[in-house]
């Protein structure tokens, strides 16, 4: 039985190229981070073909950018909250 992380990484292979990253915008931080970790693990395994590796890499880049956006927004919110106290 595959783990949810493995299923997320497997699902990245099956998404058509044109729609490969449309779903990422709707992910929460933790879901995006977990998918990214699963992709990294899969790429490090050396199992995927070159074509699959490229697809996974591209999705991983999109997931990493999405996570960074979440973190930047959280930092801005914290800065705004702490600035209000000063």
N, C-alpha and C. Protein backbone atom coordinates (compact mmCIF):
# COMPACT_ATOMS: atom_id res chain seq x y z
N UNK A 1 0.84 -1.18 0.00
CA UNK A 1 0.00 0.00 0.00
C UNK A 1 0.89 1.24 0.00
N UNK A 2 0.64 2.19 -0.87
CA UNK A 2 1.45 3.39 -1.00
C UNK A 2 1.06 4.41 0.07
N UNK A 3 2.06 5.15 0.54
CA UNK A 3 1.78 6.22 1.50
C UNK A 3 1.17 7.39 0.79
N UNK A 4 0.59 8.32 1.54
CA UNK A 4 -0.01 9.51 0.91
C UNK A 4 1.06 10.34 0.23
N UNK A 5 2.29 10.36 0.78
CA UNK A 5 3.37 11.10 0.15
C UNK A 5 3.74 10.46 -1.18
N UNK A 6 3.79 9.12 -1.22
CA UNK A 6 4.10 8.43 -2.47
C UNK A 6 3.01 8.67 -3.49
N UNK A 7 1.74 8.64 -3.04
CA UNK A 7 0.63 8.89 -3.94
C UNK A 7 0.71 10.30 -4.50
N UNK A 8 1.09 11.28 -3.69
CA UNK A 8 1.22 12.66 -4.16
C UNK A 8 2.31 12.75 -5.22
N UNK A 9 3.43 12.08 -4.96
CA UNK A 9 4.52 12.10 -5.94
C UNK A 9 4.11 11.35 -7.19
N UNK A 10 3.42 10.22 -7.03
CA UNK A 10 2.95 9.47 -8.20
C UNK A 10 1.97 10.29 -9.01
N UNK A 11 1.10 11.02 -8.34
CA UNK A 11 0.11 11.84 -9.02
C UNK A 11 0.74 12.93 -9.85
N UNK A 12 1.93 13.37 -9.44
CA UNK A 12 2.62 14.41 -10.20
C UNK A 12 2.99 13.90 -11.59
N UNK A 13 3.24 12.60 -11.72
CA UNK A 13 3.59 12.03 -13.02
C UNK A 13 2.40 11.98 -13.96
N UNK A 14 1.21 11.89 -13.40
CA UNK A 14 0.03 11.63 -14.21
C UNK A 14 -0.68 12.90 -14.67
N UNK A 15 -0.28 14.05 -14.18
CA UNK A 15 -0.95 15.30 -14.52
C UNK A 15 -0.50 15.73 -15.91
N UNK A 16 -1.44 16.05 -16.81
CA UNK A 16 -1.05 16.53 -18.13
C UNK A 16 -0.20 17.80 -18.03
N UNK A 17 0.73 17.97 -18.93
CA UNK A 17 1.68 19.09 -18.87
C UNK A 17 0.98 20.44 -18.78
N UNK A 18 -0.08 20.66 -19.53
CA UNK A 18 -0.75 21.95 -19.55
C UNK A 18 -1.37 22.29 -18.20
N UNK A 19 -1.78 21.29 -17.45
CA UNK A 19 -2.44 21.51 -16.17
C UNK A 19 -1.58 21.07 -14.99
N UNK A 20 -0.31 20.90 -15.20
CA UNK A 20 0.56 20.29 -14.21
C UNK A 20 0.61 21.03 -12.89
N UNK A 21 0.42 22.34 -12.90
CA UNK A 21 0.61 23.11 -11.67
C UNK A 21 -0.63 23.90 -11.26
N UNK A 22 -1.73 23.73 -11.95
CA UNK A 22 -2.94 24.49 -11.63
C UNK A 22 -3.45 24.22 -10.22
N UNK A 23 -3.30 23.00 -9.76
CA UNK A 23 -3.82 22.63 -8.44
C UNK A 23 -2.98 23.18 -7.29
N UNK A 24 -1.77 23.56 -7.53
CA UNK A 24 -0.87 24.00 -6.46
C UNK A 24 -1.37 25.26 -5.78
N UNK A 25 -1.97 26.15 -6.51
CA UNK A 25 -2.45 27.41 -5.93
C UNK A 25 -3.48 27.19 -4.83
N UNK A 26 -4.13 26.04 -4.84
CA UNK A 26 -5.18 25.75 -3.86
C UNK A 26 -4.67 24.96 -2.66
N UNK A 27 -3.39 24.63 -2.66
CA UNK A 27 -2.84 23.83 -1.57
C UNK A 27 -2.47 24.71 -0.38
N UNK A 28 -2.68 24.17 0.80
CA UNK A 28 -2.17 24.80 2.00
C UNK A 28 -0.67 24.55 2.10
N UNK A 29 -0.03 25.25 3.02
CA UNK A 29 1.42 25.12 3.17
C UNK A 29 1.83 23.68 3.46
N UNK A 30 1.21 23.06 4.43
CA UNK A 30 1.61 21.72 4.84
C UNK A 30 1.43 20.69 3.73
N UNK A 31 0.33 20.79 2.98
CA UNK A 31 0.11 19.86 1.87
C UNK A 31 1.17 20.06 0.78
N UNK A 32 1.47 21.31 0.47
CA UNK A 32 2.48 21.59 -0.56
C UNK A 32 3.85 21.10 -0.09
N UNK A 33 4.17 21.35 1.18
CA UNK A 33 5.46 20.91 1.74
C UNK A 33 5.57 19.38 1.70
N UNK A 34 4.49 18.69 2.06
CA UNK A 34 4.51 17.22 2.06
C UNK A 34 4.68 16.67 0.65
N UNK A 35 4.00 17.27 -0.31
CA UNK A 35 4.17 16.83 -1.70
C UNK A 35 5.59 17.07 -2.17
N UNK A 36 6.15 18.23 -1.81
CA UNK A 36 7.53 18.55 -2.19
C UNK A 36 8.50 17.54 -1.59
N UNK A 37 8.31 17.21 -0.32
CA UNK A 37 9.18 16.22 0.34
C UNK A 37 9.08 14.86 -0.35
N UNK A 38 7.87 14.47 -0.74
CA UNK A 38 7.69 13.19 -1.43
C UNK A 38 8.39 13.19 -2.78
N UNK A 39 8.33 14.31 -3.46
CA UNK A 39 9.00 14.42 -4.77
C UNK A 39 10.51 14.33 -4.59
N UNK A 40 11.05 15.02 -3.61
CA UNK A 40 12.49 14.98 -3.35
C UNK A 40 12.92 13.54 -3.06
N UNK A 41 12.16 12.85 -2.22
CA UNK A 41 12.48 11.46 -1.89
C UNK A 41 12.47 10.60 -3.14
N UNK A 42 11.49 10.79 -3.96
CA UNK A 42 11.37 9.99 -5.18
C UNK A 42 12.52 10.28 -6.15
N UNK A 43 12.86 11.56 -6.31
CA UNK A 43 13.97 11.91 -7.19
C UNK A 43 15.29 11.35 -6.66
N UNK A 44 15.47 11.41 -5.35
CA UNK A 44 16.70 10.89 -4.75
C UNK A 44 16.82 9.38 -4.89
N UNK A 45 15.69 8.71 -5.05
CA UNK A 45 15.72 7.25 -5.19
C UNK A 45 16.32 6.81 -6.52
N UNK A 46 16.30 7.70 -7.51
CA UNK A 46 16.82 7.35 -8.82
C UNK A 46 15.87 6.48 -9.63
N UNK A 47 14.69 6.23 -9.11
CA UNK A 47 13.72 5.35 -9.77
C UNK A 47 13.10 5.95 -11.03
N UNK A 48 12.67 7.22 -11.00
CA UNK A 48 11.94 7.75 -12.17
C UNK A 48 12.82 7.83 -13.42
N UNK A 49 12.15 7.70 -14.55
CA UNK A 49 12.83 7.89 -15.83
C UNK A 49 13.23 9.36 -15.96
N UNK A 50 14.02 9.68 -16.94
CA UNK A 50 14.43 11.05 -17.15
C UNK A 50 13.21 11.95 -17.38
N UNK A 51 12.29 11.49 -18.20
CA UNK A 51 11.08 12.28 -18.49
C UNK A 51 10.27 12.52 -17.21
N UNK A 52 10.07 11.47 -16.43
CA UNK A 52 9.34 11.61 -15.17
C UNK A 52 10.10 12.49 -14.19
N UNK A 53 11.41 12.36 -14.16
CA UNK A 53 12.23 13.19 -13.28
C UNK A 53 12.07 14.66 -13.63
N UNK A 54 12.03 14.98 -14.90
CA UNK A 54 11.86 16.37 -15.32
C UNK A 54 10.50 16.90 -14.89
N UNK A 55 9.46 16.09 -15.06
CA UNK A 55 8.12 16.50 -14.62
C UNK A 55 8.07 16.71 -13.11
N UNK A 56 8.67 15.78 -12.39
CA UNK A 56 8.71 15.90 -10.94
C UNK A 56 9.49 17.13 -10.51
N UNK A 57 10.62 17.37 -11.16
CA UNK A 57 11.44 18.54 -10.84
C UNK A 57 10.65 19.83 -11.05
N UNK A 58 9.97 19.93 -12.18
CA UNK A 58 9.18 21.13 -12.47
C UNK A 58 8.07 21.33 -11.45
N UNK A 59 7.39 20.25 -11.09
CA UNK A 59 6.35 20.36 -10.07
C UNK A 59 6.97 20.74 -8.72
N UNK A 60 8.10 20.15 -8.41
CA UNK A 60 8.80 20.49 -7.17
C UNK A 60 9.17 21.96 -7.11
N UNK A 61 9.63 22.51 -8.21
CA UNK A 61 9.95 23.94 -8.26
C UNK A 61 8.71 24.79 -8.00
N UNK A 62 7.59 24.40 -8.61
CA UNK A 62 6.34 25.13 -8.40
C UNK A 62 5.87 25.01 -6.95
N UNK A 63 6.01 23.82 -6.37
CA UNK A 63 5.63 23.62 -4.97
C UNK A 63 6.53 24.44 -4.05
N UNK A 64 7.83 24.47 -4.33
CA UNK A 64 8.76 25.24 -3.50
C UNK A 64 8.42 26.73 -3.56
N UNK A 65 8.09 27.23 -4.74
CA UNK A 65 7.70 28.64 -4.87
C UNK A 65 6.42 28.92 -4.10
N UNK A 66 5.48 28.00 -4.15
CA UNK A 66 4.23 28.15 -3.42
C UNK A 66 4.48 28.18 -1.91
N UNK A 67 5.33 27.28 -1.43
CA UNK A 67 5.67 27.26 -0.01
C UNK A 67 6.36 28.57 0.39
N UNK A 68 7.24 29.05 -0.45
CA UNK A 68 7.93 30.31 -0.14
C UNK A 68 6.94 31.46 -0.06
N UNK A 69 5.95 31.46 -0.94
CA UNK A 69 4.93 32.50 -0.91
C UNK A 69 4.15 32.44 0.41
N UNK A 70 3.78 31.23 0.84
CA UNK A 70 3.09 31.06 2.13
C UNK A 70 3.94 31.61 3.27
N UNK A 71 5.22 31.26 3.28
CA UNK A 71 6.10 31.71 4.36
C UNK A 71 6.29 33.22 4.34
N UNK A 72 6.44 33.80 3.16
CA UNK A 72 6.59 35.26 3.05
C UNK A 72 5.33 35.97 3.55
N UNK A 73 4.17 35.45 3.17
CA UNK A 73 2.91 36.05 3.63
C UNK A 73 2.77 35.94 5.14
N UNK A 74 3.17 34.79 5.70
CA UNK A 74 3.09 34.62 7.16
C UNK A 74 4.03 35.60 7.85
N UNK A 75 5.22 35.78 7.31
CA UNK A 75 6.18 36.72 7.89
C UNK A 75 5.64 38.15 7.85
N UNK A 76 5.02 38.52 6.74
CA UNK A 76 4.43 39.86 6.62
C UNK A 76 3.31 40.06 7.64
N UNK A 77 2.48 39.05 7.83
CA UNK A 77 1.39 39.14 8.81
C UNK A 77 1.95 39.29 10.23
N UNK A 78 2.98 38.52 10.54
CA UNK A 78 3.59 38.61 11.87
C UNK A 78 4.22 39.99 12.06
N UNK A 79 4.91 40.47 11.05
CA UNK A 79 5.51 41.81 11.12
C UNK A 79 4.44 42.87 11.35
N UNK A 80 3.31 42.75 10.64
CA UNK A 80 2.22 43.72 10.79
C UNK A 80 1.62 43.65 12.19
N UNK A 81 1.47 42.46 12.73
CA UNK A 81 0.90 42.31 14.07
C UNK A 81 1.85 42.86 15.14
N UNK A 82 3.13 42.59 14.98
CA UNK A 82 4.08 43.07 15.98
C UNK A 82 4.31 44.57 15.85
N UNK A 83 4.17 45.11 14.65
CA UNK A 83 4.31 46.56 14.45
C UNK A 83 3.16 47.30 15.12
N UNK A 84 1.96 46.69 15.14
CA UNK A 84 0.80 47.31 15.77
C UNK A 84 1.01 47.43 17.27
N UNK A 85 1.79 46.54 17.86
CA UNK A 85 2.02 46.59 19.31
C UNK A 85 3.02 47.66 19.69
N UNK A 86 3.88 48.05 18.77
CA UNK A 86 4.93 49.05 19.08
C UNK A 86 4.43 50.45 19.12
